[in-house]
Amino acid sequence: MQGQNQQQAYDRGITIFSPDGRLYQVEYAREAVKRGTASVGVRTADGVVLAADRHARSPLLERDSIEKIHKADDHVGIASAGHVADARQLIDLARRQAQVNHLRYGEEIGVESLTKEVTDYIQQYTQTGGARPFGVALLVGGIEDGEPRLFETDPSGTPYEWQAVAIGGDRDEIQTFLEEEYDEGMDLEAGLSLALRALGSVSDDGLDATGVDVATIDVESEQFTALSEDEIAERVTELELEGDDDE
């Protein structure tokens, strides 16, 4: 019984390490990320692509109210997977930090600096009693000094830089697909196709353009651009990723 009580203490206390050096609450937060729908980021020489599955759980739900990809600044986009409310808090923080940098220094914030501002904030919630970690992972993509950058944030507060990465549900399968198909020499359009094919690789029913969010940040304009539903539908059709309409 005493051993069980000790296990529960490690399980419930965010500030207490288990004997094998684990913070269980952080690991539970990672499980919350896995329960979210997938998001994919692809970095190419011409820019960054962010794509996210935002299928509606009910036909009565307004699809526009499901937000998976957000504009943080003109040159930075963020995709999320996991607890939506937590994502909104972190994205609002990122937007404030971007504006503070504009007001204080008169220039755009670097993608890496912005990511580390967010992960520093996340990390504080892994060592504060009475609080819980953020149950969300983010993909932060943008242009910094003319170069595309793509970062992932982890519930532990650790930033990782990637060429191509998936977060959320079916991460392992999508990541394997990206590792097999990614080419460092691909252009932005090829990166967009790869992101859509990666999402489609784990969908038994195919991709529905109304259930996918896609945005790009290209090197030439350094501007965040969200693709319209018609533009996504056109590419889904070209890539033959639609589901079978036969009942």
C-alpha atoms as a PDB file:
ATOM      1  CA  MET A   1       0.000   0.000   0.000  1.00  0.00           C
ATOM      2  CA  GLN A   2       2.837   2.389   0.855  1.00  0.00           C
ATOM      3  CA  GLY A   3       4.415   1.778  -2.554  1.00  0.00           C
ATOM      4  CA  GLN A   4       1.125   2.633  -4.269  1.00  0.00           C
ATOM      5  CA  ASN A   5       0.844   5.884  -2.295  1.00  0.00           C
ATOM      6  CA  GLN A   6       4.369   6.848  -3.328  1.00  0.00           C
ATOM      7  CA  GLN A   7       3.543   6.077  -6.960  1.00  0.00           C
ATOM      8  CA  GLN A   8       0.478   8.323  -6.738  1.00  0.00           C
ATOM      9  CA  ALA A   9       2.612  11.118  -5.338  1.00  0.00           C
ATOM     10  CA  TYR A  10       4.929  10.956  -8.344  1.00  0.00           C
ATOM     11  CA  ASP A  11       1.881  10.723 -10.578  1.00  0.00           C
ATOM     12  CA  ARG A  12       0.133  13.810  -9.202  1.00  0.00           C
ATOM     13  CA  GLY A  13       2.975  16.137  -8.373  1.00  0.00           C
ATOM     14  CA  ILE A  14       4.334  18.086 -11.335  1.00  0.00           C
ATOM     15  CA  THR A  15       7.349  19.218  -9.283  1.00  0.00           C
ATOM     16  CA  ILE A  16       8.352  15.717  -8.137  1.00  0.00           C
ATOM     17  CA  PHE A  17      10.589  13.437 -10.182  1.00  0.00           C
ATOM     18  CA  SER A  18       9.931   9.708 -10.010  1.00  0.00           C
ATOM     19  CA  PRO A  19      12.862   7.466  -8.943  1.00  0.00           C
ATOM     20  CA  ASP A  20      13.649   6.812 -12.617  1.00  0.00           C
ATOM     21  CA  GLY A  21      13.804  10.541 -13.417  1.00  0.00           C
ATOM     22  CA  ARG A  22      10.405  11.013 -15.059  1.00  0.00           C
ATOM     23  CA  LEU A  23       7.778  13.741 -14.702  1.00  0.00           C
ATOM     24  CA  TYR A  24       4.562  11.826 -15.206  1.00  0.00           C
ATOM     25  CA  GLN A  25       2.412  14.911 -15.764  1.00  0.00           C
ATOM     26  CA  VAL A  26       4.594  15.967 -18.696  1.00  0.00           C
ATOM     27  CA  GLU A  27       4.247  12.513 -20.189  1.00  0.00           C
ATOM     28  CA  TYR A  28       0.466  12.708 -19.750  1.00  0.00           C
ATOM     29  CA  ALA A  29       0.533  16.053 -21.576  1.00  0.00           C
ATOM     30  CA  ARG A  30       2.297  14.348 -24.480  1.00  0.00           C
ATOM     31  CA  GLU A  31      -0.527  11.796 -24.526  1.00  0.00           C
ATOM     32  CA  ALA A  32      -3.008  14.687 -24.820  1.00  0.00           C
ATOM     33  CA  VAL A  33      -1.106  15.833 -27.912  1.00  0.00           C
ATOM     34  CA  LYS A  34      -1.419  12.363 -29.434  1.00  0.00           C
ATOM     35  CA  ARG A  35      -5.193  12.528 -28.995  1.00  0.00           C
ATOM     36  CA  GLY A  36      -5.378  15.637 -31.184  1.00  0.00           C
ATOM     37  CA  THR A  37      -5.738  15.610 -34.951  1.00  0.00           C
ATOM     38  CA  ALA A  38      -2.506  15.701 -36.921  1.00  0.00           C
ATOM     39  CA  SER A  39      -0.589  18.744 -38.140  1.00  0.00           C
ATOM     40  CA  VAL A  40       2.342  18.625 -40.568  1.00  0.00           C
ATOM     41  CA  GLY A  41       5.160  21.056 -41.310  1.00  0.00           C
ATOM     42  CA  VAL A  42       7.494  20.896 -44.316  1.00  0.00           C
ATOM     43  CA  ARG A  43      10.503  23.176 -44.851  1.00  0.00           C
ATOM     44  CA  THR A  44      11.690  23.729 -48.415  1.00  0.00           C
ATOM     45  CA  ALA A  45      14.251  26.025 -49.996  1.00  0.00           C
ATOM     46  CA  ASP A  46      11.415  28.338 -51.077  1.00  0.00           C
ATOM     47  CA  GLY A  47       9.523  28.492 -47.803  1.00  0.00           C
ATOM     48  CA  VAL A  48       7.534  26.590 -45.197  1.00  0.00           C
ATOM     49  CA  VAL A  49       4.261  24.678 -45.537  1.00  0.00           C
ATOM     50  CA  LEU A  50       1.901  24.030 -42.634  1.00  0.00           C
ATOM     51  CA  ALA A  51      -1.019  21.623 -43.082  1.00  0.00           C
ATOM     52  CA  ALA A  52      -3.513  20.398 -40.491  1.00  0.00           C
ATOM     53  CA  ASP A  53      -6.428  18.016 -40.227  1.00  0.00           C
ATOM     54  CA  ARG A  54      -9.452  19.937 -38.929  1.00  0.00           C
ATOM     55  CA  HIS A  55     -12.307  17.562 -39.723  1.00  0.00           C
ATOM     56  CA  ALA A  56     -15.543  18.305 -37.895  1.00  0.00           C
ATOM     57  CA  ARG A  57     -16.861  15.781 -35.394  1.00  0.00           C
ATOM     58  CA  SER A  58     -20.446  16.725 -36.287  1.00  0.00           C
ATOM     59  CA  PRO A  59     -22.119  17.935 -39.524  1.00  0.00           C
ATOM     60  CA  LEU A  60     -23.793  20.651 -37.428  1.00  0.00           C
ATOM     61  CA  LEU A  61     -20.483  22.184 -36.386  1.00  0.00           C
ATOM     62  CA  GLU A  62     -19.402  25.336 -38.239  1.00  0.00           C
ATOM     63  CA  ARG A  63     -16.067  24.347 -39.807  1.00  0.00           C
ATOM     64  CA  ASP A  64     -14.734  27.910 -39.704  1.00  0.00           C
ATOM     65  CA  SER A  65     -14.810  27.716 -35.910  1.00  0.00           C
ATOM     66  CA  ILE A  66     -12.203  24.919 -35.989  1.00  0.00           C
ATOM     67  CA  GLU A  67      -8.841  26.677 -36.004  1.00  0.00           C
ATOM     68  CA  LYS A  68      -5.671  24.629 -36.420  1.00  0.00           C
ATOM     69  CA  ILE A  69      -3.327  27.037 -38.223  1.00  0.00           C
ATOM     70  CA  HIS A  70      -2.814  30.596 -37.022  1.00  0.00           C
ATOM     71  CA  LYS A  71      -0.944  33.661 -38.189  1.00  0.00           C
ATOM     72  CA  ALA A  72       1.435  34.797 -35.446  1.00  0.00           C
ATOM     73  CA  ASP A  73       3.078  37.597 -37.461  1.00  0.00           C
ATOM     74  CA  ASP A  74       3.329  38.482 -41.143  1.00  0.00           C
ATOM     75  CA  HIS A  75       6.254  36.076 -41.539  1.00  0.00           C
ATOM     76  CA  VAL A  76       5.304  33.367 -39.013  1.00  0.00           C
ATOM     77  CA  GLY A  77       2.547  30.751 -38.870  1.00  0.00           C
ATOM     78  CA  ILE A  78       1.708  28.272 -36.111  1.00  0.00           C
ATOM     79  CA  ALA A  79      -0.066  24.914 -36.350  1.00  0.00           C
ATOM     80  CA  SER A  80      -1.250  23.026 -33.264  1.00  0.00           C
ATOM     81  CA  ALA A  81      -2.165  19.547 -32.070  1.00  0.00           C
ATOM     82  CA  GLY A  82      -3.608  18.643 -28.706  1.00  0.00           C
ATOM     83  CA  HIS A  83      -5.646  20.652 -26.237  1.00  0.00           C
ATOM     84  CA  VAL A  84      -7.188  23.503 -28.245  1.00  0.00           C
ATOM     85  CA  ALA A  85      -7.627  25.884 -25.300  1.00  0.00           C
ATOM     86  CA  ASP A  86      -3.961  25.499 -24.372  1.00  0.00           C
ATOM     87  CA  ALA A  87      -2.986  26.175 -27.985  1.00  0.00           C
ATOM     88  CA  ARG A  88      -4.952  29.426 -28.011  1.00  0.00           C
ATOM     89  CA  GLN A  89      -3.134  30.660 -24.915  1.00  0.00           C
ATOM     90  CA  LEU A  90       0.299  29.924 -26.379  1.00  0.00           C
ATOM     91  CA  ILE A  91      -0.563  31.417 -29.771  1.00  0.00           C
ATOM     92  CA  ASP A  92      -1.809  34.596 -28.076  1.00  0.00           C
ATOM     93  CA  LEU A  93       1.500  34.700 -26.184  1.00  0.00           C
ATOM     94  CA  ALA A  94       3.432  34.310 -29.454  1.00  0.00           C
ATOM     95  CA  ARG A  95       1.456  37.138 -31.057  1.00  0.00           C
ATOM     96  CA  ARG A  96       2.119  39.437 -28.108  1.00  0.00           C
ATOM     97  CA  GLN A  97       5.836  38.659 -28.196  1.00  0.00           C
ATOM     98  CA  ALA A  98       5.927  39.388 -31.934  1.00  0.00           C
ATOM     99  CA  GLN A  99       4.247  42.764 -31.392  1.00  0.00           C
ATOM    100  CA  VAL A 100       6.519  43.612 -28.448  1.00  0.00           C
ATOM    101  CA  ASN A 101       9.518  43.008 -30.695  1.00  0.00           C
ATOM    102  CA  HIS A 102       8.053  45.327 -33.349  1.00  0.00           C
ATOM    103  CA  LEU A 103       7.439  48.090 -30.801  1.00  0.00           C
ATOM    104  CA  ARG A 104      10.717  47.690 -28.917  1.00  0.00           C
ATOM    105  CA  TYR A 105      13.163  47.104 -31.765  1.00  0.00           C
ATOM    106  CA  GLY A 106      11.245  48.159 -34.870  1.00  0.00           C
ATOM    107  CA  GLU A 107      11.810  44.812 -36.586  1.00  0.00           C
ATOM    108  CA  GLU A 108      10.280  41.380 -36.986  1.00  0.00           C
ATOM    109  CA  ILE A 109      11.063  38.792 -34.335  1.00  0.00           C
ATOM    110  CA  GLY A 110      13.184  35.828 -35.396  1.00  0.00           C
ATOM    111  CA  VAL A 111      11.407  32.490 -35.742  1.00  0.00           C
ATOM    112  CA  GLU A 112      13.873  30.800 -33.396  1.00  0.00           C
ATOM    113  CA  SER A 113      13.618  33.595 -30.822  1.00  0.00           C
ATOM    114  CA  LEU A 114       9.819  33.467 -30.929  1.00  0.00           C
ATOM    115  CA  THR A 115       9.822  29.688 -30.493  1.00  0.00           C
ATOM    116  CA  LYS A 116      12.139  29.925 -27.498  1.00  0.00           C
ATOM    117  CA  GLU A 117       9.959  32.627 -25.914  1.00  0.00           C
ATOM    118  CA  VAL A 118       7.032  30.206 -26.134  1.00  0.00           C
ATOM    119  CA  THR A 119       8.982  27.167 -24.909  1.00  0.00           C
ATOM    120  CA  ASP A 120      10.423  29.146 -21.975  1.00  0.00           C
ATOM    121  CA  TYR A 121       6.838  29.910 -20.960  1.00  0.00           C
ATOM    122  CA  ILE A 122       5.833  26.260 -21.394  1.00  0.00           C
ATOM    123  CA  GLN A 123       8.795  25.087 -19.308  1.00  0.00           C
ATOM    124  CA  GLN A 124       7.713  27.228 -16.342  1.00  0.00           C
ATOM    125  CA  TYR A 125       4.581  25.089 -16.092  1.00  0.00           C
ATOM    126  CA  THR A 126       6.670  21.931 -15.646  1.00  0.00           C
ATOM    127  CA  GLN A 127       8.142  23.155 -12.339  1.00  0.00           C
ATOM    128  CA  THR A 128       5.317  25.138 -10.745  1.00  0.00           C
ATOM    129  CA  GLY A 129       3.190  23.618  -8.007  1.00  0.00           C
ATOM    130  CA  GLY A 130      -0.555  23.947  -8.423  1.00  0.00           C
ATOM    131  CA  ALA A 131      -0.306  24.183 -12.213  1.00  0.00           C
ATOM    132  CA  ARG A 132      -0.252  21.626 -15.011  1.00  0.00           C
ATOM    133  CA  PRO A 133       1.786  21.412 -18.228  1.00  0.00           C
ATOM    134  CA  PHE A 134       0.303  22.585 -21.510  1.00  0.00           C
ATOM    135  CA  GLY A 135      -1.254  19.620 -23.296  1.00  0.00           C
ATOM    136  CA  VAL A 136      -0.400  20.860 -26.757  1.00  0.00           C
ATOM    137  CA  ALA A 137       2.429  20.807 -29.287  1.00  0.00           C
ATOM    138  CA  LEU A 138       2.999  23.570 -31.820  1.00  0.00           C
ATOM    139  CA  LEU A 139       4.704  23.828 -35.189  1.00  0.00           C
ATOM    140  CA  VAL A 140       6.230  27.275 -35.631  1.00  0.00           C
ATOM    141  CA  GLY A 141       7.242  28.006 -39.218  1.00  0.00           C
ATOM    142  CA  GLY A 142       8.434  31.170 -40.898  1.00  0.00           C
ATOM    143  CA  ILE A 143      11.206  33.116 -42.588  1.00  0.00           C
ATOM    144  CA  GLU A 144      14.226  34.441 -40.688  1.00  0.00           C
ATOM    145  CA  ASP A 145      16.959  36.444 -42.433  1.00  0.00           C
ATOM    146  CA  GLY A 146      15.747  35.138 -45.777  1.00  0.00           C
ATOM    147  CA  GLU A 147      15.880  31.499 -44.645  1.00  0.00           C
ATOM    148  CA  PRO A 148      12.919  29.205 -43.918  1.00  0.00           C
ATOM    149  CA  ARG A 149      12.797  27.814 -40.364  1.00  0.00           C
ATOM    150  CA  LEU A 150      10.525  25.168 -38.851  1.00  0.00           C
ATOM    151  CA  PHE A 151      10.333  24.353 -35.132  1.00  0.00           C
ATOM    152  CA  GLU A 152       8.323  22.017 -32.931  1.00  0.00           C
ATOM    153  CA  THR A 153       7.475  22.773 -29.292  1.00  0.00           C
ATOM    154  CA  ASP A 154       7.089  19.946 -26.781  1.00  0.00           C
ATOM    155  CA  PRO A 155       5.005  19.974 -23.535  1.00  0.00           C
ATOM    156  CA  SER A 156       8.304  19.764 -21.638  1.00  0.00           C
ATOM    157  CA  GLY A 157       9.302  23.163 -23.025  1.00  0.00           C
ATOM    158  CA  THR A 158      11.918  21.843 -25.446  1.00  0.00           C
ATOM    159  CA  PRO A 159      12.176  23.322 -28.975  1.00  0.00           C
ATOM    160  CA  TYR A 160      13.266  21.138 -31.905  1.00  0.00           C
ATOM    161  CA  GLU A 161      14.120  22.316 -35.414  1.00  0.00           C
ATOM    162  CA  TRP A 162      13.008  20.106 -38.301  1.00  0.00           C
ATOM    163  CA  GLN A 163      13.057  19.817 -42.077  1.00  0.00           C
ATOM    164  CA  ALA A 164       9.708  18.029 -41.987  1.00  0.00           C
ATOM    165  CA  VAL A 165       7.691  16.924 -38.966  1.00  0.00           C
ATOM    166  CA  ALA A 166       4.272  15.747 -37.813  1.00  0.00           C
ATOM    167  CA  ILE A 167       2.531  16.253 -34.458  1.00  0.00           C
ATOM    168  CA  GLY A 168      -0.719  14.883 -33.078  1.00  0.00           C
ATOM    169  CA  GLY A 169      -2.540  11.685 -33.920  1.00  0.00           C
ATOM    170  CA  ASP A 170      -0.794   9.099 -36.119  1.00  0.00           C
ATOM    171  CA  ARG A 171       2.488  10.974 -35.710  1.00  0.00           C
ATOM    172  CA  ASP A 172       4.679   7.888 -36.072  1.00  0.00           C
ATOM    173  CA  GLU A 173       3.053   6.788 -39.337  1.00  0.00           C
ATOM    174  CA  ILE A 174       3.117  10.286 -40.838  1.00  0.00           C
ATOM    175  CA  GLN A 175       6.700  10.853 -39.739  1.00  0.00           C
ATOM    176  CA  THR A 176       7.767   7.611 -41.403  1.00  0.00           C
ATOM    177  CA  PHE A 177       6.062   8.767 -44.619  1.00  0.00           C
ATOM    178  CA  LEU A 178       7.849  12.139 -44.443  1.00  0.00           C
ATOM    179  CA  GLU A 179      11.230  10.487 -43.867  1.00  0.00           C
ATOM    180  CA  GLU A 180      10.723   8.319 -46.941  1.00  0.00           C
ATOM    181  CA  GLU A 181       9.379  11.038 -49.246  1.00  0.00           C
ATOM    182  CA  TYR A 182      11.134  14.242 -48.187  1.00  0.00           C
ATOM    183  CA  ASP A 183      13.658  15.749 -50.586  1.00  0.00           C
ATOM    184  CA  GLU A 184      15.835  18.679 -49.525  1.00  0.00           C
ATOM    185  CA  GLY A 185      15.747  20.077 -53.070  1.00  0.00           C
ATOM    186  CA  MET A 186      11.954  20.311 -53.365  1.00  0.00           C
ATOM    187  CA  ASP A 187      10.254  23.639 -54.038  1.00  0.00           C
ATOM    188  CA  LEU A 188       7.305  25.108 -52.141  1.00  0.00           C
ATOM    189  CA  GLU A 189       4.688  23.510 -54.389  1.00  0.00           C
ATOM    190  CA  ALA A 190       6.292  20.086 -53.935  1.00  0.00           C
ATOM    191  CA  GLY A 191       6.401  20.672 -50.194  1.00  0.00           C
ATOM    192  CA  LEU A 192       2.699  21.504 -50.238  1.00  0.00           C
ATOM    193  CA  SER A 193       1.958  18.289 -52.107  1.00  0.00           C
ATOM    194  CA  LEU A 194       4.089  16.302 -49.639  1.00  0.00           C
ATOM    195  CA  ALA A 195       2.216  17.763 -46.651  1.00  0.00           C
ATOM    196  CA  LEU A 196      -1.163  16.849 -48.145  1.00  0.00           C
ATOM    197  CA  ARG A 197      -0.005  13.363 -49.123  1.00  0.00           C
ATOM    198  CA  ALA A 198       1.360  12.852 -45.601  1.00  0.00           C
ATOM    199  CA  LEU A 199      -2.026  13.692 -44.087  1.00  0.00           C
ATOM    200  CA  GLY A 200      -3.730  11.495 -46.678  1.00  0.00           C
ATOM    201  CA  SER A 201      -1.431   8.560 -45.936  1.00  0.00           C
ATOM    202  CA  VAL A 202      -3.230   7.864 -42.634  1.00  0.00           C
ATOM    203  CA  SER A 203      -6.771   8.620 -43.798  1.00  0.00           C
ATOM    204  CA  ASP A 204      -8.864   5.606 -44.802  1.00  0.00           C
ATOM    205  CA  ASP A 205     -11.582   7.856 -46.234  1.00  0.00           C
ATOM    206  CA  GLY A 206      -9.301  10.181 -48.184  1.00  0.00           C
ATOM    207  CA  LEU A 207      -8.915  13.916 -47.725  1.00  0.00           C
ATOM    208  CA  ASP A 208     -11.818  16.361 -47.759  1.00  0.00           C
ATOM    209  CA  ALA A 209     -10.764  19.897 -48.660  1.00  0.00           C
ATOM    210  CA  THR A 210     -13.234  21.281 -46.118  1.00  0.00           C
ATOM    211  CA  GLY A 211     -11.468  19.314 -43.386  1.00  0.00           C
ATOM    212  CA  VAL A 212      -7.919  20.473 -44.089  1.00  0.00           C
ATOM    213  CA  ASP A 213      -6.137  23.742 -43.299  1.00  0.00           C
ATOM    214  CA  VAL A 214      -3.060  24.721 -45.320  1.00  0.00           C
ATOM    215  CA  ALA A 215      -0.838  27.787 -45.134  1.00  0.00           C
ATOM    216  CA  THR A 216       2.507  28.768 -46.632  1.00  0.00           C
ATOM    217  CA  ILE A 217       5.193  31.313 -45.803  1.00  0.00           C
ATOM    218  CA  ASP A 218       7.423  31.825 -48.830  1.00  0.00           C
ATOM    219  CA  VAL A 219      10.932  33.251 -48.909  1.00  0.00           C
ATOM    220  CA  GLU A 220      10.244  35.779 -51.671  1.00  0.00           C
ATOM    221  CA  SER A 221       7.373  37.649 -50.018  1.00  0.00           C
ATOM    222  CA  GLU A 222       7.981  36.551 -46.410  1.00  0.00           C
ATOM    223  CA  GLN A 223       4.207  36.603 -45.977  1.00  0.00           C
ATOM    224  CA  PHE A 224       1.884  34.123 -44.283  1.00  0.00           C
ATOM    225  CA  THR A 225      -0.709  32.956 -46.827  1.00  0.00           C
ATOM    226  CA  ALA A 226      -3.652  30.692 -46.010  1.00  0.00           C
ATOM    227  CA  LEU A 227      -4.943  28.651 -48.936  1.00  0.00           C
ATOM    228  CA  SER A 228      -8.629  28.877 -49.750  1.00  0.00           C
ATOM    229  CA  GLU A 229     -10.886  25.833 -49.717  1.00  0.00           C
ATOM    230  CA  ASP A 230     -11.006  25.873 -53.541  1.00  0.00           C
ATOM    231  CA  GLU A 231      -7.201  25.936 -53.790  1.00  0.00           C
ATOM    232  CA  ILE A 232      -6.930  23.013 -51.381  1.00  0.00           C
ATOM    233  CA  ALA A 233      -9.640  21.088 -53.244  1.00  0.00           C
ATOM    234  CA  GLU A 234      -7.792  21.581 -56.535  1.00  0.00           C
ATOM    235  CA  ARG A 235      -4.585  20.127 -55.125  1.00  0.00           C
ATOM    236  CA  VAL A 236      -6.391  17.255 -53.396  1.00  0.00           C
ATOM    237  CA  THR A 237      -7.958  16.361 -56.748  1.00  0.00           C
ATOM    238  CA  GLU A 238      -4.639  16.617 -58.598  1.00  0.00           C
ATOM    239  CA  LEU A 239      -3.006  14.299 -56.076  1.00  0.00           C
ATOM    240  CA  GLU A 240      -5.968  11.892 -56.190  1.00  0.00           C
ATOM    241  CA  LEU A 241      -6.408  12.039 -52.423  1.00  0.00           C
ATOM    242  CA  GLU A 242     -10.203  12.279 -52.344  1.00  0.00           C
ATOM    243  CA  GLY A 243     -12.215   9.592 -50.661  1.00  0.00           C
ATOM    244  CA  ASP A 244     -14.526   7.185 -52.444  1.00  0.00           C
ATOM    245  CA  ASP A 245     -17.962   8.784 -52.721  1.00  0.00           C
ATOM    246  CA  ASP A 246     -19.688   5.431 -53.292  1.00  0.00           C
ATOM    247  CA  GLU A 247     -21.895   4.470 -50.352  1.00  0.00           C
END
